[in-house]
Amino acid sequence: MPDSNNPLDSTPLRSAVRFPLHMDIVLTTPEGECRAVTENVSANGLLFISDKLPAVGTPVEFRLKMPAAIMGGDEDVLLHCVGRIVRHDDSDGKLTAAAVIDEYSLKAEHL
């Protein structure tokens, strides 16, 4: 557990709550499209699984349809996100990548 009173404690603090959402997404990169499935999503970014990962540093754009229950409203919300790939991981035979969200816009989705 991090000790906020200890200046030598280097335990990283999460700055946003992660939601374990498994959604199909398509990331658009300068090299083309990357089909993926999210593992978790936060206000700062997302972790996803894909057979082909964009390189670290690659700019990406993607859309996420966030369920109303998570967003605290009556309608689902469509997020258009612009960001970049910040890391890769290969654990348990799964290729995952993390993308940070640099900009986003949203709109309510009418079902």
N, C-alpha and C. Protein backbone atom coordinates (compact mmCIF):
# COMPACT_ATOMS: atom_id res chain seq x y z
N MET A 1 0.85 -1.18 0.00
CA MET A 1 0.00 0.00 0.00
C MET A 1 0.90 1.23 0.00
N PRO A 2 0.60 2.21 -0.87
CA PRO A 2 1.42 3.42 -0.93
C PRO A 2 1.33 4.21 0.37
N ASP A 3 2.43 4.82 0.73
CA ASP A 3 2.48 5.66 1.93
C ASP A 3 2.68 7.10 1.47
N SER A 4 1.60 7.88 1.46
CA SER A 4 1.67 9.26 0.97
C SER A 4 2.53 10.15 1.85
N ASN A 5 2.85 9.70 3.08
CA ASN A 5 3.70 10.48 3.97
C ASN A 5 5.18 10.15 3.79
N ASN A 6 5.48 9.15 2.99
CA ASN A 6 6.86 8.73 2.79
C ASN A 6 7.33 9.23 1.43
N PRO A 7 8.22 10.23 1.39
CA PRO A 7 8.69 10.76 0.10
C PRO A 7 9.53 9.76 -0.69
N LEU A 8 9.97 8.67 -0.07
CA LEU A 8 10.77 7.66 -0.77
C LEU A 8 9.90 6.56 -1.37
N ASP A 9 8.61 6.56 -1.06
CA ASP A 9 7.71 5.54 -1.60
C ASP A 9 7.46 5.83 -3.07
N SER A 10 7.87 4.91 -3.95
CA SER A 10 7.72 5.12 -5.39
C SER A 10 6.61 4.26 -5.98
N THR A 11 5.71 3.75 -5.14
CA THR A 11 4.59 2.96 -5.64
C THR A 11 3.73 3.84 -6.54
N PRO A 12 3.51 3.40 -7.80
CA PRO A 12 2.70 4.23 -8.69
C PRO A 12 1.23 4.27 -8.24
N LEU A 13 0.63 5.42 -8.36
CA LEU A 13 -0.78 5.58 -8.02
C LEU A 13 -1.59 5.64 -9.31
N ARG A 14 -2.69 4.94 -9.36
CA ARG A 14 -3.58 4.98 -10.51
C ARG A 14 -4.33 6.30 -10.46
N SER A 15 -4.39 6.98 -11.59
CA SER A 15 -5.07 8.27 -11.60
C SER A 15 -6.49 8.16 -12.13
N ALA A 16 -6.91 6.97 -12.58
CA ALA A 16 -8.27 6.80 -13.06
C ALA A 16 -8.74 5.37 -12.79
N VAL A 17 -10.01 5.23 -12.53
CA VAL A 17 -10.60 3.92 -12.28
C VAL A 17 -10.64 3.14 -13.60
N ARG A 18 -10.25 1.88 -13.54
CA ARG A 18 -10.31 1.01 -14.72
C ARG A 18 -11.57 0.17 -14.67
N PHE A 19 -12.25 0.09 -15.81
CA PHE A 19 -13.45 -0.73 -15.93
C PHE A 19 -13.11 -1.95 -16.77
N PRO A 20 -13.38 -3.15 -16.28
CA PRO A 20 -13.07 -4.36 -17.04
C PRO A 20 -14.10 -4.58 -18.15
N LEU A 21 -13.92 -3.88 -19.26
CA LEU A 21 -14.85 -3.97 -20.39
C LEU A 21 -14.20 -4.71 -21.54
N HIS A 22 -14.90 -5.69 -22.06
CA HIS A 22 -14.41 -6.47 -23.19
C HIS A 22 -15.26 -6.13 -24.41
N MET A 23 -14.73 -5.22 -25.23
CA MET A 23 -15.45 -4.73 -26.41
C MET A 23 -14.57 -4.87 -27.64
N ASP A 24 -15.19 -5.23 -28.76
CA ASP A 24 -14.48 -5.21 -30.03
C ASP A 24 -14.26 -3.77 -30.45
N ILE A 25 -13.05 -3.44 -30.88
CA ILE A 25 -12.76 -2.10 -31.37
C ILE A 25 -11.87 -2.21 -32.61
N VAL A 26 -11.84 -1.14 -33.37
CA VAL A 26 -10.92 -1.02 -34.50
C VAL A 26 -10.11 0.24 -34.25
N LEU A 27 -8.79 0.08 -34.17
CA LEU A 27 -7.89 1.22 -34.01
C LEU A 27 -7.38 1.59 -35.40
N THR A 28 -7.45 2.87 -35.73
CA THR A 28 -6.93 3.35 -37.00
C THR A 28 -5.56 3.97 -36.74
N THR A 29 -4.57 3.50 -37.51
CA THR A 29 -3.19 3.99 -37.37
C THR A 29 -2.72 4.48 -38.73
N PRO A 30 -1.60 5.17 -38.81
CA PRO A 30 -1.06 5.57 -40.12
C PRO A 30 -0.76 4.37 -41.02
N GLU A 31 -0.53 3.18 -40.41
CA GLU A 31 -0.23 1.99 -41.19
C GLU A 31 -1.48 1.20 -41.59
N GLY A 32 -2.65 1.57 -41.08
CA GLY A 32 -3.88 0.85 -41.39
C GLY A 32 -4.68 0.57 -40.14
N GLU A 33 -5.63 -0.36 -40.26
CA GLU A 33 -6.51 -0.69 -39.15
C GLU A 33 -5.97 -1.86 -38.34
N CYS A 34 -6.29 -1.86 -37.06
CA CYS A 34 -5.92 -2.92 -36.13
C CYS A 34 -7.19 -3.33 -35.39
N ARG A 35 -7.62 -4.56 -35.58
CA ARG A 35 -8.80 -5.07 -34.86
C ARG A 35 -8.34 -5.60 -33.51
N ALA A 36 -9.11 -5.28 -32.46
CA ALA A 36 -8.69 -5.63 -31.10
C ALA A 36 -9.91 -5.83 -30.21
N VAL A 37 -9.66 -6.30 -29.00
CA VAL A 37 -10.67 -6.44 -27.95
C VAL A 37 -10.12 -5.79 -26.70
N THR A 38 -10.90 -4.91 -26.10
CA THR A 38 -10.44 -4.24 -24.89
C THR A 38 -10.43 -5.20 -23.71
N GLU A 39 -9.47 -5.01 -22.83
CA GLU A 39 -9.40 -5.74 -21.56
C GLU A 39 -9.95 -4.85 -20.44
N ASN A 40 -9.54 -3.57 -20.48
CA ASN A 40 -10.07 -2.60 -19.53
C ASN A 40 -9.96 -1.21 -20.14
N VAL A 41 -10.80 -0.33 -19.61
CA VAL A 41 -10.89 1.04 -20.12
C VAL A 41 -10.94 1.99 -18.93
N SER A 42 -10.23 3.11 -19.05
CA SER A 42 -10.31 4.16 -18.03
C SER A 42 -10.43 5.50 -18.74
N ALA A 43 -10.55 6.56 -17.98
CA ALA A 43 -10.62 7.90 -18.57
C ALA A 43 -9.30 8.27 -19.23
N ASN A 44 -8.21 7.61 -18.84
CA ASN A 44 -6.89 7.93 -19.38
C ASN A 44 -6.47 7.08 -20.56
N GLY A 45 -7.09 5.91 -20.73
CA GLY A 45 -6.67 5.04 -21.82
C GLY A 45 -7.32 3.68 -21.75
N LEU A 46 -6.71 2.74 -22.47
CA LEU A 46 -7.26 1.39 -22.50
C LEU A 46 -6.15 0.38 -22.69
N LEU A 47 -6.46 -0.85 -22.28
CA LEU A 47 -5.60 -1.99 -22.51
C LEU A 47 -6.35 -2.89 -23.46
N PHE A 48 -5.68 -3.38 -24.50
CA PHE A 48 -6.37 -4.22 -25.48
C PHE A 48 -5.51 -5.38 -25.92
N ILE A 49 -6.19 -6.40 -26.46
CA ILE A 49 -5.56 -7.61 -27.00
C ILE A 49 -5.72 -7.57 -28.52
N SER A 50 -4.65 -7.95 -29.23
CA SER A 50 -4.71 -8.04 -30.69
C SER A 50 -3.64 -8.99 -31.18
N ASP A 51 -3.87 -9.59 -32.34
CA ASP A 51 -2.87 -10.45 -32.96
C ASP A 51 -1.73 -9.63 -33.53
N LYS A 52 -2.01 -8.38 -33.87
CA LYS A 52 -1.01 -7.50 -34.46
C LYS A 52 -1.07 -6.16 -33.72
N LEU A 53 0.00 -5.85 -33.00
CA LEU A 53 0.02 -4.63 -32.19
C LEU A 53 0.72 -3.49 -32.92
N PRO A 54 0.13 -2.29 -32.91
CA PRO A 54 0.85 -1.13 -33.44
C PRO A 54 2.09 -0.87 -32.57
N ALA A 55 3.13 -0.35 -33.17
CA ALA A 55 4.38 -0.07 -32.45
C ALA A 55 4.16 0.98 -31.36
N VAL A 56 4.96 0.88 -30.31
CA VAL A 56 4.93 1.89 -29.25
C VAL A 56 5.24 3.25 -29.88
N GLY A 57 4.44 4.25 -29.52
CA GLY A 57 4.58 5.59 -30.07
C GLY A 57 3.65 5.87 -31.24
N THR A 58 3.02 4.81 -31.78
CA THR A 58 2.12 4.97 -32.93
C THR A 58 0.87 5.75 -32.53
N PRO A 59 0.51 6.79 -33.30
CA PRO A 59 -0.76 7.48 -33.03
C PRO A 59 -1.93 6.58 -33.43
N VAL A 60 -3.01 6.62 -32.66
CA VAL A 60 -4.20 5.80 -32.94
C VAL A 60 -5.46 6.64 -32.76
N GLU A 61 -6.49 6.23 -33.49
CA GLU A 61 -7.84 6.77 -33.29
C GLU A 61 -8.77 5.59 -33.15
N PHE A 62 -9.77 5.72 -32.28
CA PHE A 62 -10.73 4.63 -32.11
C PHE A 62 -12.01 5.19 -31.51
N ARG A 63 -13.07 4.39 -31.63
CA ARG A 63 -14.37 4.76 -31.06
C ARG A 63 -14.76 3.69 -30.06
N LEU A 64 -15.31 4.12 -28.93
CA LEU A 64 -15.79 3.21 -27.91
C LEU A 64 -17.25 3.54 -27.61
N LYS A 65 -18.08 2.52 -27.57
CA LYS A 65 -19.47 2.72 -27.19
C LYS A 65 -19.58 2.35 -25.72
N MET A 66 -19.64 3.37 -24.87
CA MET A 66 -19.68 3.16 -23.43
C MET A 66 -21.12 2.97 -22.96
N PRO A 67 -21.38 1.88 -22.25
CA PRO A 67 -22.74 1.60 -21.77
C PRO A 67 -23.25 2.68 -20.81
N ALA A 68 -24.54 2.97 -20.92
CA ALA A 68 -25.18 3.99 -20.08
C ALA A 68 -24.96 3.71 -18.59
N ALA A 69 -25.01 2.45 -18.20
CA ALA A 69 -24.85 2.09 -16.78
C ALA A 69 -23.49 2.54 -16.24
N ILE A 70 -22.46 2.47 -17.05
CA ILE A 70 -21.13 2.88 -16.61
C ILE A 70 -21.00 4.40 -16.63
N MET A 71 -21.64 5.03 -17.63
CA MET A 71 -21.53 6.48 -17.78
C MET A 71 -22.47 7.23 -16.84
N GLY A 72 -23.39 6.51 -16.19
CA GLY A 72 -24.29 7.15 -15.23
C GLY A 72 -25.44 7.91 -15.87
N GLY A 73 -25.82 7.51 -17.09
CA GLY A 73 -26.92 8.19 -17.77
C GLY A 73 -27.95 7.21 -18.27
N ASP A 74 -28.85 7.71 -19.11
CA ASP A 74 -29.92 6.88 -19.67
C ASP A 74 -29.56 6.31 -21.04
N GLU A 75 -28.55 6.88 -21.69
CA GLU A 75 -28.20 6.45 -23.04
C GLU A 75 -26.72 6.09 -23.12
N ASP A 76 -26.42 5.14 -24.02
CA ASP A 76 -25.02 4.82 -24.27
C ASP A 76 -24.34 6.06 -24.84
N VAL A 77 -23.03 6.13 -24.65
CA VAL A 77 -22.26 7.27 -25.14
C VAL A 77 -21.17 6.77 -26.08
N LEU A 78 -21.06 7.40 -27.24
CA LEU A 78 -20.02 7.06 -28.21
C LEU A 78 -18.85 8.01 -28.01
N LEU A 79 -17.68 7.45 -27.70
CA LEU A 79 -16.47 8.24 -27.51
C LEU A 79 -15.59 8.11 -28.74
N HIS A 80 -15.19 9.23 -29.30
CA HIS A 80 -14.19 9.23 -30.38
C HIS A 80 -12.89 9.65 -29.72
N CYS A 81 -11.88 8.77 -29.76
CA CYS A 81 -10.64 9.00 -29.03
C CYS A 81 -9.44 9.10 -29.97
N VAL A 82 -8.52 9.96 -29.61
CA VAL A 82 -7.24 10.10 -30.29
C VAL A 82 -6.17 9.90 -29.23
N GLY A 83 -5.21 9.04 -29.53
CA GLY A 83 -4.17 8.77 -28.54
C GLY A 83 -2.95 8.16 -29.18
N ARG A 84 -2.22 7.38 -28.37
CA ARG A 84 -0.99 6.76 -28.86
C ARG A 84 -0.69 5.52 -28.04
N ILE A 85 0.02 4.59 -28.65
CA ILE A 85 0.41 3.36 -27.98
C ILE A 85 1.58 3.67 -27.05
N VAL A 86 1.49 3.23 -25.78
CA VAL A 86 2.54 3.55 -24.81
C VAL A 86 3.31 2.33 -24.32
N ARG A 87 2.75 1.13 -24.48
CA ARG A 87 3.51 -0.07 -24.08
C ARG A 87 2.88 -1.33 -24.64
N HIS A 88 3.70 -2.40 -24.67
CA HIS A 88 3.29 -3.74 -25.07
C HIS A 88 3.56 -4.70 -23.93
N ASP A 89 2.85 -5.83 -23.97
CA ASP A 89 3.13 -6.90 -23.03
C ASP A 89 2.76 -8.22 -23.70
N ASP A 90 3.50 -9.26 -23.38
CA ASP A 90 3.22 -10.59 -23.89
C ASP A 90 3.23 -11.52 -22.69
N SER A 91 2.06 -11.71 -22.10
CA SER A 91 1.97 -12.59 -20.94
C SER A 91 0.85 -13.60 -21.15
N ASP A 92 1.09 -14.79 -20.69
CA ASP A 92 0.12 -15.88 -20.83
C ASP A 92 -0.28 -16.10 -22.28
N GLY A 93 0.64 -15.84 -23.21
CA GLY A 93 0.35 -16.06 -24.62
C GLY A 93 -0.56 -15.02 -25.25
N LYS A 94 -0.86 -13.94 -24.52
CA LYS A 94 -1.70 -12.87 -25.06
C LYS A 94 -0.84 -11.66 -25.36
N LEU A 95 -1.00 -11.11 -26.56
CA LEU A 95 -0.33 -9.86 -26.90
C LEU A 95 -1.24 -8.71 -26.51
N THR A 96 -0.79 -7.88 -25.58
CA THR A 96 -1.59 -6.73 -25.17
C THR A 96 -0.80 -5.45 -25.40
N ALA A 97 -1.55 -4.39 -25.56
CA ALA A 97 -0.96 -3.06 -25.70
C ALA A 97 -1.81 -2.08 -24.91
N ALA A 98 -1.17 -1.02 -24.45
CA ALA A 98 -1.87 0.05 -23.76
C ALA A 98 -1.81 1.30 -24.62
N ALA A 99 -2.95 1.97 -24.72
CA ALA A 99 -3.01 3.24 -25.44
C ALA A 99 -3.49 4.31 -24.48
N VAL A 100 -2.82 5.44 -24.48
CA VAL A 100 -3.24 6.57 -23.69
C VAL A 100 -4.18 7.41 -24.56
N ILE A 101 -5.19 8.01 -23.94
CA ILE A 101 -6.12 8.88 -24.65
C ILE A 101 -5.65 10.32 -24.45
N ASP A 102 -5.29 10.98 -25.56
CA ASP A 102 -4.84 12.37 -25.51
C ASP A 102 -6.00 13.34 -25.70
N GLU A 103 -6.97 12.97 -26.53
CA GLU A 103 -8.14 13.81 -26.80
C GLU A 103 -9.35 12.91 -26.99
N TYR A 104 -10.53 13.44 -26.66
CA TYR A 104 -11.74 12.68 -26.97
C TYR A 104 -12.91 13.63 -27.13
N SER A 105 -13.91 13.15 -27.84
CA SER A 105 -15.19 13.85 -27.94
C SER A 105 -16.27 12.80 -27.74
N LEU A 106 -17.42 13.22 -27.26
CA LEU A 106 -18.47 12.25 -27.01
C LEU A 106 -19.83 12.77 -27.43
N LYS A 107 -20.72 11.79 -27.67
CA LYS A 107 -22.10 12.13 -27.97
C LYS A 107 -22.99 10.99 -27.50
N ALA A 108 -24.22 11.32 -27.14
CA ALA A 108 -25.18 10.31 -26.71
C ALA A 108 -25.62 9.51 -27.93
N GLU A 109 -25.81 8.22 -27.74
CA GLU A 109 -26.27 7.32 -28.79
C GLU A 109 -27.74 7.03 -28.56
N HIS A 110 -28.56 7.28 -29.53
CA HIS A 110 -29.98 6.94 -29.43
C HIS A 110 -30.17 5.52 -29.92
N LEU A 111 -30.73 4.67 -29.06
CA LEU A 111 -30.93 3.26 -29.42
C LEU A 111 -32.19 3.06 -30.22
